[in-house]
Amino acid sequence: MDRVKQLRQIQGAGDRQRELMRRGLKLGTHGKATWKRDDLHAR
């Protein structure tokens, strides 16, 4: 694969990841955390 094509693919992957971060994932929480940080890190 030539270097230009490889760089374009890397750039496209980065663009896709940034778009996913911008949109966020639907976790079914409607933006509200129903847990406390200590509950997640209980030992």
N, C-alpha and C. Protein backbone atom coordinates (compact mmCIF):
# COMPACT_ATOMS: atom_id res chain seq x y z
N MET A 1 0.87 -1.17 0.00
CA MET A 1 0.00 0.00 0.00
C MET A 1 0.91 1.23 0.00
N ASP A 2 0.59 2.19 -0.82
CA ASP A 2 1.45 3.38 -0.84
C ASP A 2 1.15 4.26 0.37
N ARG A 3 2.11 5.09 0.69
CA ARG A 3 2.06 5.92 1.90
C ARG A 3 0.87 6.87 1.91
N VAL A 4 0.56 7.47 0.76
CA VAL A 4 -0.56 8.42 0.69
C VAL A 4 -1.87 7.72 1.02
N LYS A 5 -2.08 6.54 0.45
CA LYS A 5 -3.31 5.79 0.71
C LYS A 5 -3.40 5.41 2.19
N GLN A 6 -2.30 5.00 2.75
CA GLN A 6 -2.27 4.62 4.17
C GLN A 6 -2.61 5.83 5.05
N LEU A 7 -2.03 6.98 4.76
CA LEU A 7 -2.32 8.19 5.54
C LEU A 7 -3.78 8.60 5.42
N ARG A 8 -4.35 8.44 4.23
CA ARG A 8 -5.78 8.78 4.05
C ARG A 8 -6.67 7.84 4.87
N GLN A 9 -6.30 6.57 4.92
CA GLN A 9 -7.08 5.62 5.72
C GLN A 9 -6.98 5.95 7.20
N ILE A 10 -5.79 6.31 7.65
CA ILE A 10 -5.61 6.68 9.05
C ILE A 10 -6.42 7.93 9.38
N GLN A 11 -6.39 8.90 8.48
CA GLN A 11 -7.16 10.13 8.69
C GLN A 11 -8.66 9.82 8.73
N GLY A 12 -9.12 8.96 7.83
CA GLY A 12 -10.54 8.58 7.82
C GLY A 12 -10.94 7.89 9.12
N ALA A 13 -10.09 7.04 9.64
CA ALA A 13 -10.38 6.34 10.90
C ALA A 13 -10.47 7.36 12.03
N GLY A 14 -9.56 8.32 12.05
CA GLY A 14 -9.60 9.36 13.07
C GLY A 14 -10.86 10.20 12.98
N ASP A 15 -11.25 10.52 11.76
CA ASP A 15 -12.49 11.29 11.55
C ASP A 15 -13.70 10.52 12.09
N ARG A 16 -13.74 9.23 11.82
CA ARG A 16 -14.86 8.40 12.31
C ARG A 16 -14.88 8.35 13.83
N GLN A 17 -13.72 8.21 14.46
CA GLN A 17 -13.66 8.16 15.91
C GLN A 17 -14.08 9.49 16.54
N ARG A 18 -13.64 10.61 15.95
CA ARG A 18 -14.04 11.92 16.46
C ARG A 18 -15.55 12.12 16.35
N GLU A 19 -16.13 11.65 15.26
CA GLU A 19 -17.59 11.76 15.09
C GLU A 19 -18.33 10.93 16.13
N LEU A 20 -17.83 9.74 16.42
CA LEU A 20 -18.44 8.92 17.47
C LEU A 20 -18.36 9.61 18.83
N MET A 21 -17.23 10.22 19.12
CA MET A 21 -17.09 10.93 20.40
C MET A 21 -18.00 12.16 20.44
N ARG A 22 -18.14 12.84 19.32
CA ARG A 22 -19.01 14.02 19.27
C ARG A 22 -20.46 13.64 19.53
N ARG A 23 -20.90 12.55 18.89
CA ARG A 23 -22.30 12.11 19.03
C ARG A 23 -22.55 11.41 20.36
N GLY A 24 -21.56 10.67 20.84
CA GLY A 24 -21.73 9.90 22.06
C GLY A 24 -22.45 8.59 21.77
N LEU A 25 -22.43 7.73 22.74
CA LEU A 25 -23.10 6.44 22.61
C LEU A 25 -24.39 6.43 23.42
N LYS A 26 -25.40 5.79 22.88
CA LYS A 26 -26.67 5.69 23.59
C LYS A 26 -26.57 4.54 24.59
N LEU A 27 -26.51 4.89 25.87
CA LEU A 27 -26.37 3.89 26.92
C LEU A 27 -27.68 3.67 27.67
N GLY A 28 -28.71 4.40 27.28
CA GLY A 28 -30.01 4.23 27.92
C GLY A 28 -30.14 4.98 29.24
N THR A 29 -29.19 5.87 29.56
CA THR A 29 -29.23 6.61 30.82
C THR A 29 -29.84 8.00 30.66
N HIS A 30 -30.05 8.43 29.44
CA HIS A 30 -30.60 9.76 29.14
C HIS A 30 -29.77 10.85 29.80
N GLY A 31 -28.47 10.63 29.90
CA GLY A 31 -27.56 11.63 30.44
C GLY A 31 -27.46 11.68 31.95
N LYS A 32 -28.10 10.75 32.64
CA LYS A 32 -28.09 10.75 34.10
C LYS A 32 -27.37 9.51 34.61
N ALA A 33 -26.44 9.70 35.52
CA ALA A 33 -25.76 8.58 36.17
C ALA A 33 -26.57 8.20 37.41
N THR A 34 -26.99 6.96 37.49
CA THR A 34 -27.78 6.51 38.64
C THR A 34 -26.91 5.81 39.67
N TRP A 35 -25.60 5.93 39.52
CA TRP A 35 -24.66 5.31 40.43
C TRP A 35 -23.71 6.37 40.96
N LYS A 36 -23.04 6.02 42.01
CA LYS A 36 -22.04 6.91 42.57
C LYS A 36 -20.65 6.38 42.24
N ARG A 37 -19.68 7.24 42.18
CA ARG A 37 -18.31 6.86 41.83
C ARG A 37 -17.80 5.80 42.80
N ASP A 38 -18.08 5.97 44.09
CA ASP A 38 -17.61 5.00 45.09
C ASP A 38 -18.19 3.61 44.84
N ASP A 39 -19.42 3.54 44.33
CA ASP A 39 -20.01 2.23 44.01
C ASP A 39 -19.24 1.52 42.92
N LEU A 40 -18.71 2.28 41.98
CA LEU A 40 -17.96 1.68 40.87
C LEU A 40 -16.58 1.21 41.30
N HIS A 41 -16.03 1.84 42.34
CA HIS A 41 -14.67 1.55 42.77
C HIS A 41 -14.61 0.89 44.14
N ALA A 42 -15.70 0.26 44.53
CA ALA A 42 -15.73 -0.43 45.83
C ALA A 42 -14.75 -1.59 45.83
N ARG A 43 -14.07 -1.75 46.93
CA ARG A 43 -13.10 -2.84 47.04
C ARG A 43 -13.60 -3.92 47.95
